[in-house]
Amino acid sequence: AALLFDWPEILKEIDYSILICSSGENKKERAVKNGMGRHVFNQILRLQQSETEMVKLATYIINNNGTVQELKEQCHRIFEEIKNDC
């Protein structure tokens, strides 16, 4: 899904784009915990567009550095905003 922001022709066809951001350390910790090697993780991260650039393109941004409850609250708020926009 991170590649979505690399394809402007597809991005313009989407009504709402949602970017989920997390600190570099959180991303690495989660990837390693799920079996990905640190070297592979660093290679993938280097190939992706910077989060700063993706933030400029996203309709909504979710911060995934907190608790599961905080994540659910952000998702619910975005869902309500989109639902009310339809």
C-alpha atoms as a PDB file:
ATOM      1  CA  ALA A   1       0.000   0.000   0.000  1.00  0.00           C
ATOM      2  CA  ALA A   2       2.941   2.349   0.501  1.00  0.00           C
ATOM      3  CA  LEU A   3       3.416   2.237  -3.269  1.00  0.00           C
ATOM      4  CA  LEU A   4       0.068   3.949  -3.792  1.00  0.00           C
ATOM      5  CA  PHE A   5       1.751   7.303  -3.226  1.00  0.00           C
ATOM      6  CA  ASP A   6       4.287   6.515  -5.962  1.00  0.00           C
ATOM      7  CA  TRP A   7       1.561   6.263  -8.623  1.00  0.00           C
ATOM      8  CA  PRO A   8      -0.027   9.699  -9.115  1.00  0.00           C
ATOM      9  CA  GLU A   9      -2.233   8.434 -11.953  1.00  0.00           C
ATOM     10  CA  ILE A  10      -3.843   5.916  -9.594  1.00  0.00           C
ATOM     11  CA  LEU A  11      -3.862   8.224  -6.583  1.00  0.00           C
ATOM     12  CA  LYS A  12      -5.960  10.795  -8.440  1.00  0.00           C
ATOM     13  CA  GLU A  13      -8.633   8.117  -9.039  1.00  0.00           C
ATOM     14  CA  ILE A  14      -9.040   7.472  -5.304  1.00  0.00           C
ATOM     15  CA  ASP A  15     -11.547   9.455  -3.263  1.00  0.00           C
ATOM     16  CA  TYR A  16      -9.658   9.179   0.026  1.00  0.00           C
ATOM     17  CA  SER A  17      -6.117   8.081   0.737  1.00  0.00           C
ATOM     18  CA  ILE A  18      -5.120   7.070   4.237  1.00  0.00           C
ATOM     19  CA  LEU A  19      -1.497   7.018   5.323  1.00  0.00           C
ATOM     20  CA  ILE A  20      -0.546   5.166   8.474  1.00  0.00           C
ATOM     21  CA  CYS A  21       2.577   6.665  10.019  1.00  0.00           C
ATOM     22  CA  SER A  22       4.781   5.269  12.726  1.00  0.00           C
ATOM     23  CA  SER A  23       8.224   6.089  14.019  1.00  0.00           C
ATOM     24  CA  GLY A  24      11.133   4.401  12.297  1.00  0.00           C
ATOM     25  CA  GLU A  25      11.945   2.487  15.464  1.00  0.00           C
ATOM     26  CA  ASN A  26       8.369   1.193  15.793  1.00  0.00           C
ATOM     27  CA  LYS A  27       8.358   0.080  12.169  1.00  0.00           C
ATOM     28  CA  LYS A  28      11.663  -1.722  12.552  1.00  0.00           C
ATOM     29  CA  GLU A  29      10.674  -3.349  15.852  1.00  0.00           C
ATOM     30  CA  ARG A  30       7.388  -4.613  14.409  1.00  0.00           C
ATOM     31  CA  ALA A  31       9.026  -5.900  11.218  1.00  0.00           C
ATOM     32  CA  VAL A  32      11.729  -7.757  13.119  1.00  0.00           C
ATOM     33  CA  LYS A  33       9.149  -9.164  15.531  1.00  0.00           C
ATOM     34  CA  ASN A  34       7.278 -10.542  12.503  1.00  0.00           C
ATOM     35  CA  GLY A  35      10.392 -12.257  11.161  1.00  0.00           C
ATOM     36  CA  MET A  36      11.904  -9.700   8.813  1.00  0.00           C
ATOM     37  CA  GLY A  37      15.644  -9.181   9.032  1.00  0.00           C
ATOM     38  CA  ARG A  38      16.934  -5.702   9.874  1.00  0.00           C
ATOM     39  CA  HIS A  39      18.922  -5.539   6.639  1.00  0.00           C
ATOM     40  CA  VAL A  40      15.875  -6.360   4.513  1.00  0.00           C
ATOM     41  CA  PHE A  41      13.781  -3.865   6.479  1.00  0.00           C
ATOM     42  CA  ASN A  42      16.341  -1.104   5.872  1.00  0.00           C
ATOM     43  CA  GLN A  43      16.459  -1.908   2.147  1.00  0.00           C
ATOM     44  CA  ILE A  44      12.676  -1.715   1.838  1.00  0.00           C
ATOM     45  CA  LEU A  45      12.518   1.533   3.799  1.00  0.00           C
ATOM     46  CA  ARG A  46      15.185   3.131   1.576  1.00  0.00           C
ATOM     47  CA  LEU A  47      13.174   2.266  -1.540  1.00  0.00           C
ATOM     48  CA  GLN A  48       9.987   3.858  -0.258  1.00  0.00           C
ATOM     49  CA  GLN A  49       9.107   7.491  -0.721  1.00  0.00           C
ATOM     50  CA  SER A  50       9.756   9.511   2.424  1.00  0.00           C
ATOM     51  CA  GLU A  51       6.905   9.737   4.888  1.00  0.00           C
ATOM     52  CA  THR A  52       7.168  13.541   4.654  1.00  0.00           C
ATOM     53  CA  GLU A  53       6.344  13.384   0.949  1.00  0.00           C
ATOM     54  CA  MET A  54       3.524  10.870   1.411  1.00  0.00           C
ATOM     55  CA  VAL A  55       1.922  13.059   4.122  1.00  0.00           C
ATOM     56  CA  LYS A  56       1.539  15.808   1.514  1.00  0.00           C
ATOM     57  CA  LEU A  57      -0.488  13.450  -0.695  1.00  0.00           C
ATOM     58  CA  ALA A  58      -2.655  11.728   1.914  1.00  0.00           C
ATOM     59  CA  THR A  59      -6.217  12.742   2.631  1.00  0.00           C
ATOM     60  CA  TYR A  60      -6.030  11.302   6.144  1.00  0.00           C
ATOM     61  CA  ILE A  61      -3.087  10.436   8.347  1.00  0.00           C
ATOM     62  CA  ILE A  62      -3.200   7.895  11.155  1.00  0.00           C
ATOM     63  CA  ASN A  63      -0.495   7.967  13.813  1.00  0.00           C
ATOM     64  CA  ASN A  64       0.307   4.391  14.807  1.00  0.00           C
ATOM     65  CA  ASN A  65       2.717   5.071  17.669  1.00  0.00           C
ATOM     66  CA  GLY A  66       0.211   4.697  20.480  1.00  0.00           C
ATOM     67  CA  THR A  67      -2.085   2.065  21.872  1.00  0.00           C
ATOM     68  CA  VAL A  68      -4.499  -0.150  19.984  1.00  0.00           C
ATOM     69  CA  GLN A  69      -7.328   1.889  21.517  1.00  0.00           C
ATOM     70  CA  GLU A  70      -5.865   5.131  20.161  1.00  0.00           C
ATOM     71  CA  LEU A  71      -5.519   3.517  16.744  1.00  0.00           C
ATOM     72  CA  LYS A  72      -9.151   2.381  16.836  1.00  0.00           C
ATOM     73  CA  GLU A  73     -10.292   5.880  17.792  1.00  0.00           C
ATOM     74  CA  GLN A  74      -8.429   7.459  14.882  1.00  0.00           C
ATOM     75  CA  CYS A  75      -9.846   4.897  12.463  1.00  0.00           C
ATOM     76  CA  HIS A  76     -13.370   5.417  13.771  1.00  0.00           C
ATOM     77  CA  ARG A  77     -13.051   9.218  13.435  1.00  0.00           C
ATOM     78  CA  ILE A  78     -11.876   8.894   9.828  1.00  0.00           C
ATOM     79  CA  PHE A  79     -14.613   6.382   9.045  1.00  0.00           C
ATOM     80  CA  GLU A  80     -17.242   8.801  10.404  1.00  0.00           C
ATOM     81  CA  GLU A  81     -15.817  11.704   8.390  1.00  0.00           C
ATOM     82  CA  ILE A  82     -15.847   9.681   5.187  1.00  0.00           C
ATOM     83  CA  LYS A  83     -19.315   8.294   5.904  1.00  0.00           C
ATOM     84  CA  ASN A  84     -20.654  11.803   6.495  1.00  0.00           C
ATOM     85  CA  ASP A  85     -19.061  13.002   3.269  1.00  0.00           C
ATOM     86  CA  CYS A  86     -20.925  10.461   1.152  1.00  0.00           C
END
